[in-house]
Amino acid sequence: MQRNKVHAVTTLTKVAQDLEVSEDLLHDLTEQMDTEDGVIWVYGLEEEAVLALSEDGIECLRDLIADHRRDHA
């Protein structure tokens, strides 16, 4: 039985800040990703769901950002 190896996630807001890109751009790019790519929705009791990414998800986003910049250059 395979177990999930994700031990931590980072919110989309923090990833946008770290990568110095807009949160809106990242949100658009994550629509191209699946859960296998590292996209995780985090739900709480009172808050709205928060989009978060595993380390693999962040790496996938870096590739998508590079593709986006190349396509829009």
PDB file of N, CA and C in Angstrom:
ATOM      1  N   MET A   1       0.838  -1.183   0.000  1.00  0.00           N
ATOM      2  CA  MET A   1       0.000   0.000   0.000  1.00  0.00           C
ATOM      3  C   MET A   1       0.883   1.246   0.000  1.00  0.00           C
ATOM      4  N   GLN A   2       0.686   2.085  -0.993  1.00  0.00           N
ATOM      5  CA  GLN A   2       1.460   3.321  -1.088  1.00  0.00           C
ATOM      6  C   GLN A   2       0.857   4.370  -0.172  1.00  0.00           C
ATOM      7  N   ARG A   3       1.710   5.071   0.530  1.00  0.00           N
ATOM      8  CA  ARG A   3       1.262   6.149   1.418  1.00  0.00           C
ATOM      9  C   ARG A   3       1.712   7.488   0.844  1.00  0.00           C
ATOM     10  N   ASN A   4       0.908   8.473   1.100  1.00  0.00           N
ATOM     11  CA  ASN A   4       1.232   9.811   0.644  1.00  0.00           C
ATOM     12  C   ASN A   4       2.474  10.304   1.381  1.00  0.00           C
ATOM     13  N   LYS A   5       3.444  10.823   0.646  1.00  0.00           N
ATOM     14  CA  LYS A   5       4.701  11.268   1.235  1.00  0.00           C
ATOM     15  C   LYS A   5       4.763  12.768   1.471  1.00  0.00           C
ATOM     16  N   VAL A   6       3.672  13.484   1.249  1.00  0.00           N
ATOM     17  CA  VAL A   6       3.649  14.930   1.467  1.00  0.00           C
ATOM     18  C   VAL A   6       3.615  15.188   2.961  1.00  0.00           C
ATOM     19  N   HIS A   7       4.591  15.925   3.450  1.00  0.00           N
ATOM     20  CA  HIS A   7       4.638  16.230   4.880  1.00  0.00           C
ATOM     21  C   HIS A   7       4.348  17.695   5.186  1.00  0.00           C
ATOM     22  N   ALA A   8       4.314  18.538   4.142  1.00  0.00           N
ATOM     23  CA  ALA A   8       4.025  19.958   4.336  1.00  0.00           C
ATOM     24  C   ALA A   8       3.537  20.537   3.011  1.00  0.00           C
ATOM     25  N   VAL A   9       2.736  21.586   3.114  1.00  0.00           N
ATOM     26  CA  VAL A   9       2.274  22.310   1.937  1.00  0.00           C
ATOM     27  C   VAL A   9       2.464  23.801   2.177  1.00  0.00           C
ATOM     28  N   THR A  10       2.460  24.558   1.095  1.00  0.00           N
ATOM     29  CA  THR A  10       2.612  26.006   1.161  1.00  0.00           C
ATOM     30  C   THR A  10       1.411  26.638   0.466  1.00  0.00           C
ATOM     31  N   THR A  11       0.836  27.662   1.078  1.00  0.00           N
ATOM     32  CA  THR A  11      -0.329  28.303   0.473  1.00  0.00           C
ATOM     33  C   THR A  11       0.062  29.002  -0.832  1.00  0.00           C
ATOM     34  N   LEU A  12      -0.935  29.149  -1.696  1.00  0.00           N
ATOM     35  CA  LEU A  12      -0.706  29.807  -2.972  1.00  0.00           C
ATOM     36  C   LEU A  12      -0.225  31.239  -2.768  1.00  0.00           C
ATOM     37  N   THR A  13      -0.751  31.910  -1.766  1.00  0.00           N
ATOM     38  CA  THR A  13      -0.331  33.285  -1.469  1.00  0.00           C
ATOM     39  C   THR A  13       1.160  33.350  -1.160  1.00  0.00           C
ATOM     40  N   LYS A  14       1.647  32.425  -0.351  1.00  0.00           N
ATOM     41  CA  LYS A  14       3.067  32.390   0.008  1.00  0.00           C
ATOM     42  C   LYS A  14       3.926  32.032  -1.201  1.00  0.00           C
ATOM     43  N   VAL A  15       3.468  31.097  -2.014  1.00  0.00           N
ATOM     44  CA  VAL A  15       4.215  30.716  -3.220  1.00  0.00           C
ATOM     45  C   VAL A  15       4.323  31.916  -4.161  1.00  0.00           C
ATOM     46  N   ALA A  16       3.223  32.653  -4.338  1.00  0.00           N
ATOM     47  CA  ALA A  16       3.257  33.845  -5.198  1.00  0.00           C
ATOM     48  C   ALA A  16       4.276  34.849  -4.690  1.00  0.00           C
ATOM     49  N   GLN A  17       4.299  35.048  -3.387  1.00  0.00           N
ATOM     50  CA  GLN A  17       5.265  35.977  -2.794  1.00  0.00           C
ATOM     51  C   GLN A  17       6.691  35.469  -3.016  1.00  0.00           C
ATOM     52  N   ASP A  18       6.925  34.201  -2.765  1.00  0.00           N
ATOM     53  CA  ASP A  18       8.271  33.629  -2.906  1.00  0.00           C
ATOM     54  C   ASP A  18       8.769  33.672  -4.351  1.00  0.00           C
ATOM     55  N   LEU A  19       7.861  33.436  -5.306  1.00  0.00           N
ATOM     56  CA  LEU A  19       8.252  33.404  -6.721  1.00  0.00           C
ATOM     57  C   LEU A  19       8.139  34.770  -7.389  1.00  0.00           C
ATOM     58  N   GLU A  20       7.653  35.760  -6.623  1.00  0.00           N
ATOM     59  CA  GLU A  20       7.507  37.131  -7.113  1.00  0.00           C
ATOM     60  C   GLU A  20       6.637  37.217  -8.372  1.00  0.00           C
ATOM     61  N   VAL A  21       5.486  36.546  -8.296  1.00  0.00           N
ATOM     62  CA  VAL A  21       4.490  36.608  -9.363  1.00  0.00           C
ATOM     63  C   VAL A  21       3.138  36.853  -8.714  1.00  0.00           C
ATOM     64  N   SER A  22       2.160  37.215  -9.528  1.00  0.00           N
ATOM     65  CA  SER A  22       0.850  37.516  -8.965  1.00  0.00           C
ATOM     66  C   SER A  22       0.118  36.234  -8.567  1.00  0.00           C
ATOM     67  N   GLU A  23      -0.650  36.367  -7.518  1.00  0.00           N
ATOM     68  CA  GLU A  23      -1.463  35.248  -7.059  1.00  0.00           C
ATOM     69  C   GLU A  23      -2.504  34.872  -8.118  1.00  0.00           C
ATOM     70  N   ASP A  24      -3.016  35.872  -8.827  1.00  0.00           N
ATOM     71  CA  ASP A  24      -3.993  35.605  -9.886  1.00  0.00           C
ATOM     72  C   ASP A  24      -3.390  34.741 -10.994  1.00  0.00           C
ATOM     73  N   LEU A  25      -2.152  35.045 -11.384  1.00  0.00           N
ATOM     74  CA  LEU A  25      -1.483  34.233 -12.400  1.00  0.00           C
ATOM     75  C   LEU A  25      -1.338  32.797 -11.918  1.00  0.00           C
ATOM     76  N   LEU A  26      -0.895  32.625 -10.681  1.00  0.00           N
ATOM     77  CA  LEU A  26      -0.717  31.270 -10.160  1.00  0.00           C
ATOM     78  C   LEU A  26      -2.046  30.530 -10.085  1.00  0.00           C
ATOM     79  N   HIS A  27      -3.081  31.242  -9.695  1.00  0.00           N
ATOM     80  CA  HIS A  27      -4.392  30.595  -9.627  1.00  0.00           C
ATOM     81  C   HIS A  27      -4.794  30.107 -11.017  1.00  0.00           C
ATOM     82  N   ASP A  28      -4.588  30.940 -12.044  1.00  0.00           N
ATOM     83  CA  ASP A  28      -4.897  30.543 -13.419  1.00  0.00           C
ATOM     84  C   ASP A  28      -4.072  29.331 -13.839  1.00  0.00           C
ATOM     85  N   LEU A  29      -2.785  29.337 -13.499  1.00  0.00           N
ATOM     86  CA  LEU A  29      -1.906  28.237 -13.905  1.00  0.00           C
ATOM     87  C   LEU A  29      -2.245  26.937 -13.189  1.00  0.00           C
ATOM     88  N   THR A  30      -2.699  27.026 -11.940  1.00  0.00           N
ATOM     89  CA  THR A  30      -3.030  25.787 -11.215  1.00  0.00           C
ATOM     90  C   THR A  30      -4.246  25.095 -11.810  1.00  0.00           C
ATOM     91  N   GLU A  31      -5.038  25.811 -12.602  1.00  0.00           N
ATOM     92  CA  GLU A  31      -6.179  25.169 -13.264  1.00  0.00           C
ATOM     93  C   GLU A  31      -5.715  24.109 -14.258  1.00  0.00           C
ATOM     94  N   GLN A  32      -4.461  24.175 -14.679  1.00  0.00           N
ATOM     95  CA  GLN A  32      -3.894  23.185 -15.596  1.00  0.00           C
ATOM     96  C   GLN A  32      -3.337  21.971 -14.850  1.00  0.00           C
ATOM     97  N   MET A  33      -3.308  22.046 -13.525  1.00  0.00           N
ATOM     98  CA  MET A  33      -2.683  21.006 -12.714  1.00  0.00           C
ATOM     99  C   MET A  33      -3.725  20.075 -12.099  1.00  0.00           C
ATOM    100  N   ASP A  34      -3.306  18.854 -11.825  1.00  0.00           N
ATOM    101  CA  ASP A  34      -4.138  17.872 -11.135  1.00  0.00           C
ATOM    102  C   ASP A  34      -3.585  17.641  -9.739  1.00  0.00           C
ATOM    103  N   THR A  35      -4.318  16.913  -8.933  1.00  0.00           N
ATOM    104  CA  THR A  35      -3.837  16.609  -7.586  1.00  0.00           C
ATOM    105  C   THR A  35      -2.518  15.843  -7.638  1.00  0.00           C
ATOM    106  N   GLU A  36      -2.313  15.040  -8.672  1.00  0.00           N
ATOM    107  CA  GLU A  36      -1.048  14.321  -8.823  1.00  0.00           C
ATOM    108  C   GLU A  36       0.132  15.262  -9.028  1.00  0.00           C
ATOM    109  N   ASP A  37      -0.167  16.498  -9.467  1.00  0.00           N
ATOM    110  CA  ASP A  37       0.872  17.506  -9.690  1.00  0.00           C
ATOM    111  C   ASP A  37       1.204  18.280  -8.422  1.00  0.00           C
ATOM    112  N   GLY A  38       0.470  18.022  -7.332  1.00  0.00           N
ATOM    113  CA  GLY A  38       0.788  18.669  -6.077  1.00  0.00           C
ATOM    114  C   GLY A  38      -0.145  19.774  -5.638  1.00  0.00           C
ATOM    115  N   VAL A  39      -1.330  19.861  -6.235  1.00  0.00           N
ATOM    116  CA  VAL A  39      -2.323  20.853  -5.834  1.00  0.00           C
ATOM    117  C   VAL A  39      -3.181  20.253  -4.721  1.00  0.00           C
ATOM    118  N   ILE A  40      -3.342  20.997  -3.639  1.00  0.00           N
ATOM    119  CA  ILE A  40      -4.098  20.514  -2.487  1.00  0.00           C
ATOM    120  C   ILE A  40      -5.016  21.624  -1.999  1.00  0.00           C
ATOM    121  N   TRP A  41      -6.289  21.281  -1.763  1.00  0.00           N
ATOM    122  CA  TRP A  41      -7.218  22.228  -1.154  1.00  0.00           C
ATOM    123  C   TRP A  41      -7.272  21.941   0.333  1.00  0.00           C
ATOM    124  N   VAL A  42      -7.137  22.984   1.141  1.00  0.00           N
ATOM    125  CA  VAL A  42      -7.152  22.853   2.594  1.00  0.00           C
ATOM    126  C   VAL A  42      -8.450  23.481   3.100  1.00  0.00           C
ATOM    127  N   TYR A  43      -9.214  22.706   3.870  1.00  0.00           N
ATOM    128  CA  TYR A  43     -10.495  23.161   4.393  1.00  0.00           C
ATOM    129  C   TYR A  43     -10.423  23.298   5.904  1.00  0.00           C
ATOM    130  N   GLY A  44     -11.044  24.344   6.416  1.00  0.00           N
ATOM    131  CA  GLY A  44     -11.126  24.563   7.853  1.00  0.00           C
ATOM    132  C   GLY A  44     -12.575  24.656   8.283  1.00  0.00           C
ATOM    133  N   LEU A  45     -12.792  24.996   9.526  1.00  0.00           N
ATOM    134  CA  LEU A  45     -14.157  25.095  10.048  1.00  0.00           C
ATOM    135  C   LEU A  45     -14.847  26.381   9.626  1.00  0.00           C
ATOM    136  N   GLU A  46     -14.182  27.488   9.781  1.00  0.00           N
ATOM    137  CA  GLU A  46     -14.795  28.788   9.527  1.00  0.00           C
ATOM    138  C   GLU A  46     -14.313  29.432   8.230  1.00  0.00           C
ATOM    139  N   GLU A  47     -13.121  29.090   7.794  1.00  0.00           N
ATOM    140  CA  GLU A  47     -12.508  29.765   6.656  1.00  0.00           C
ATOM    141  C   GLU A  47     -12.975  29.167   5.337  1.00  0.00           C
ATOM    142  N   GLU A  48     -12.748  29.947   4.286  1.00  0.00           N
ATOM    143  CA  GLU A  48     -12.932  29.407   2.945  1.00  0.00           C
ATOM    144  C   GLU A  48     -11.785  28.439   2.671  1.00  0.00           C
ATOM    145  N   ALA A  49     -11.971  27.556   1.717  1.00  0.00           N
ATOM    146  CA  ALA A  49     -10.907  26.640   1.331  1.00  0.00           C
ATOM    147  C   ALA A  49      -9.708  27.438   0.819  1.00  0.00           C
ATOM    148  N   VAL A  50      -8.519  26.953   1.111  1.00  0.00           N
ATOM    149  CA  VAL A  50      -7.277  27.610   0.711  1.00  0.00           C
ATOM    150  C   VAL A  50      -6.519  26.674  -0.222  1.00  0.00           C
ATOM    151  N   LEU A  51      -6.056  27.210  -1.334  1.00  0.00           N
ATOM    152  CA  LEU A  51      -5.263  26.435  -2.275  1.00  0.00           C
ATOM    153  C   LEU A  51      -3.827  26.372  -1.776  1.00  0.00           C
ATOM    154  N   ALA A  52      -3.271  25.179  -1.726  1.00  0.00           N
ATOM    155  CA  ALA A  52      -1.890  24.989  -1.272  1.00  0.00           C
ATOM    156  C   ALA A  52      -1.186  24.040  -2.227  1.00  0.00           C
ATOM    157  N   LEU A  53       0.128  24.024  -2.136  1.00  0.00           N
ATOM    158  CA  LEU A  53       0.936  23.209  -3.038  1.00  0.00           C
ATOM    159  C   LEU A  53       1.999  22.451  -2.268  1.00  0.00           C
ATOM    160  N   SER A  54       2.238  21.225  -2.710  1.00  0.00           N
ATOM    161  CA  SER A  54       3.359  20.457  -2.182  1.00  0.00           C
ATOM    162  C   SER A  54       4.629  20.957  -2.875  1.00  0.00           C
ATOM    163  N   GLU A  55       5.766  20.439  -2.476  1.00  0.00           N
ATOM    164  CA  GLU A  55       7.026  20.817  -3.144  1.00  0.00           C
ATOM    165  C   GLU A  55       6.978  20.461  -4.630  1.00  0.00           C
ATOM    166  N   ASP A  56       6.396  19.300  -4.951  1.00  0.00           N
ATOM    167  CA  ASP A  56       6.243  18.919  -6.360  1.00  0.00           C
ATOM    168  C   ASP A  56       5.341  19.911  -7.092  1.00  0.00           C
ATOM    169  N   GLY A  57       4.302  20.383  -6.410  1.00  0.00           N
ATOM    170  CA  GLY A  57       3.405  21.364  -7.007  1.00  0.00           C
ATOM    171  C   GLY A  57       4.101  22.678  -7.304  1.00  0.00           C
ATOM    172  N   ILE A  58       4.960  23.096  -6.404  1.00  0.00           N
ATOM    173  CA  ILE A  58       5.717  24.334  -6.621  1.00  0.00           C
ATOM    174  C   ILE A  58       6.651  24.181  -7.813  1.00  0.00           C
ATOM    175  N   GLU A  59       7.302  23.040  -7.926  1.00  0.00           N
ATOM    176  CA  GLU A  59       8.185  22.797  -9.078  1.00  0.00           C
ATOM    177  C   GLU A  59       7.394  22.779 -10.380  1.00  0.00           C
ATOM    178  N   CYS A  60       6.223  22.168 -10.353  1.00  0.00           N
ATOM    179  CA  CYS A  60       5.355  22.150 -11.531  1.00  0.00           C
ATOM    180  C   CYS A  60       4.959  23.576 -11.904  1.00  0.00           C
ATOM    181  N   LEU A  61       4.625  24.390 -10.916  1.00  0.00           N
ATOM    182  CA  LEU A  61       4.274  25.791 -11.175  1.00  0.00           C
ATOM    183  C   LEU A  61       5.443  26.568 -11.759  1.00  0.00           C
ATOM    184  N   ARG A  62       6.644  26.309 -11.279  1.00  0.00           N
ATOM    185  CA  ARG A  62       7.823  26.988 -11.853  1.00  0.00           C
ATOM    186  C   ARG A  62       7.916  26.702 -13.353  1.00  0.00           C
ATOM    187  N   ASP A  63       7.676  25.456 -13.742  1.00  0.00           N
ATOM    188  CA  ASP A  63       7.705  25.087 -15.161  1.00  0.00           C
ATOM    189  C   ASP A  63       6.584  25.787 -15.928  1.00  0.00           C
ATOM    190  N   LEU A  64       5.390  25.825 -15.349  1.00  0.00           N
ATOM    191  CA  LEU A  64       4.268  26.494 -16.005  1.00  0.00           C
ATOM    192  C   LEU A  64       4.504  27.994 -16.136  1.00  0.00           C
ATOM    193  N   ILE A  65       5.127  28.602 -15.142  1.00  0.00           N
ATOM    194  CA  ILE A  65       5.462  30.031 -15.217  1.00  0.00           C
ATOM    195  C   ILE A  65       6.448  30.276 -16.352  1.00  0.00           C
ATOM    196  N   ALA A  66       7.460  29.435 -16.455  1.00  0.00           N
ATOM    197  CA  ALA A  66       8.447  29.572 -17.527  1.00  0.00           C
ATOM    198  C   ALA A  66       7.772  29.429 -18.895  1.00  0.00           C
ATOM    199  N   ASP A  67       6.882  28.465 -19.030  1.00  0.00           N
ATOM    200  CA  ASP A  67       6.145  28.287 -20.297  1.00  0.00           C
ATOM    201  C   ASP A  67       5.278  29.519 -20.593  1.00  0.00           C
ATOM    202  N   HIS A  68       4.606  30.020 -19.563  1.00  0.00           N
ATOM    203  CA  HIS A  68       3.749  31.201 -19.715  1.00  0.00           C
ATOM    204  C   HIS A  68       4.572  32.412 -20.165  1.00  0.00           C
ATOM    205  N   ARG A  69       5.707  32.603 -19.545  1.00  0.00           N
ATOM    206  CA  ARG A  69       6.563  33.757 -19.926  1.00  0.00           C
ATOM    207  C   ARG A  69       7.077  33.616 -21.343  1.00  0.00           C
ATOM    208  N   ARG A  70       7.435  32.395 -21.728  1.00  0.00           N
ATOM    209  CA  ARG A  70       7.927  32.140 -23.083  1.00  0.00           C
ATOM    210  C   ARG A  70       6.812  32.397 -24.108  1.00  0.00           C
ATOM    211  N   ASP A  71       5.587  31.962 -23.787  1.00  0.00           N
ATOM    212  CA  ASP A  71       4.462  32.134 -24.702  1.00  0.00           C
ATOM    213  C   ASP A  71       4.013  33.586 -24.823  1.00  0.00           C
ATOM    214  N   HIS A  72       4.265  34.387 -23.783  1.00  0.00           N
ATOM    215  CA  HIS A  72       3.801  35.780 -23.773  1.00  0.00           C
ATOM    216  C   HIS A  72       4.937  36.796 -23.902  1.00  0.00           C
ATOM    217  N   ALA A  73       6.065  36.341 -24.382  1.00  0.00           N
ATOM    218  CA  ALA A  73       7.221  37.244 -24.543  1.00  0.00           C
ATOM    219  C   ALA A  73       7.178  37.969 -25.853  1.00  0.00           C
TER     220      ALA A  73
END
